């Protein structure tokens, strides 16, 4: 059985990463630090889980409670 891939990504020439869901843009990750975090997470974790997290606007690292 083949699993479908909902999320995809493309690194743009300006350094940003475009995140898509079913070929529609859902988020753009900008900034050298954030892009580096995303790309390293994609290498070490399940890409669909990582892209889902970033598509929903969440960062890879938890922010301190306020």
Protein backbone atom coordinates (compact mmCIF):
# COMPACT_ATOMS: atom_id res chain seq x y z
CA UNK A 1 0.00 0.00 0.00
CA UNK A 2 1.36 3.39 -0.96
CA UNK A 3 1.11 6.26 1.50
CA UNK A 4 0.33 9.70 0.20
CA UNK A 5 2.54 12.67 0.90
CA UNK A 6 0.51 15.71 1.82
CA UNK A 7 3.37 18.10 2.50
CA UNK A 8 6.27 19.20 0.34
CA UNK A 9 8.92 21.89 0.46
CA UNK A 10 11.14 23.89 -1.83
CA UNK A 11 14.16 25.96 -0.90
CA UNK A 12 13.99 29.29 -2.72
CA UNK A 13 17.01 31.11 -4.17
CA UNK A 14 16.68 33.82 -1.52
CA UNK A 15 17.22 31.22 1.22
CA UNK A 16 13.62 30.90 2.40
CA UNK A 17 11.80 27.54 2.40
CA UNK A 18 8.33 27.28 0.93
CA UNK A 19 6.10 24.65 2.59
CA UNK A 20 3.19 23.27 0.58
CA UNK A 21 0.24 21.03 1.31
CA UNK A 22 -1.24 19.33 -1.75
CA UNK A 23 0.62 21.82 -3.99
CA UNK A 24 -0.73 24.89 -2.16
CA UNK A 25 1.50 27.21 -0.18
CA UNK A 26 0.80 26.99 3.55
CA UNK A 27 3.87 28.68 5.05
CA UNK A 28 7.20 30.27 4.20
CA UNK A 29 10.08 29.82 6.63
CA UNK A 30 12.49 32.75 6.54
CA UNK A 31 15.64 33.62 8.42
CA UNK A 32 18.89 31.75 8.38
CA UNK A 33 18.45 30.21 11.84
CA UNK A 34 14.88 29.03 11.24
CA UNK A 35 15.72 27.61 7.81
CA UNK A 36 18.73 25.76 9.25
CA UNK A 37 16.56 24.28 12.02
CA UNK A 38 13.96 23.14 9.51
CA UNK A 39 16.46 21.55 7.13
CA UNK A 40 18.29 19.71 9.91
CA UNK A 41 14.96 18.46 11.33
CA UNK A 42 14.01 17.19 7.86
CA UNK A 43 17.23 15.16 7.76
CA UNK A 44 16.79 13.60 11.21
CA UNK A 45 13.01 13.16 11.55
CA UNK A 46 10.01 12.07 9.47
CA UNK A 47 9.65 14.79 6.84
CA UNK A 48 5.83 14.75 6.89
CA UNK A 49 5.74 15.28 10.67
CA UNK A 50 8.27 18.11 10.51
CA UNK A 51 6.52 19.85 7.63
CA UNK A 52 3.17 19.49 9.38
CA UNK A 53 4.61 21.13 12.47
CA UNK A 54 6.07 24.02 10.49
CA UNK A 55 2.96 24.39 8.33
CA UNK A 56 0.96 25.04 11.48
CA UNK A 57 3.39 27.78 12.47
CA UNK A 58 5.05 25.86 15.29
CA UNK A 59 8.81 25.98 15.70
CA UNK A 60 10.90 22.85 16.08
CA UNK A 61 12.00 23.87 19.55
CA UNK A 62 9.57 24.60 22.32
CA UNK A 63 9.38 28.18 23.47
CA UNK A 64 9.40 28.94 27.19
CA UNK A 65 6.04 29.36 28.87
CA UNK A 66 5.02 32.94 29.58
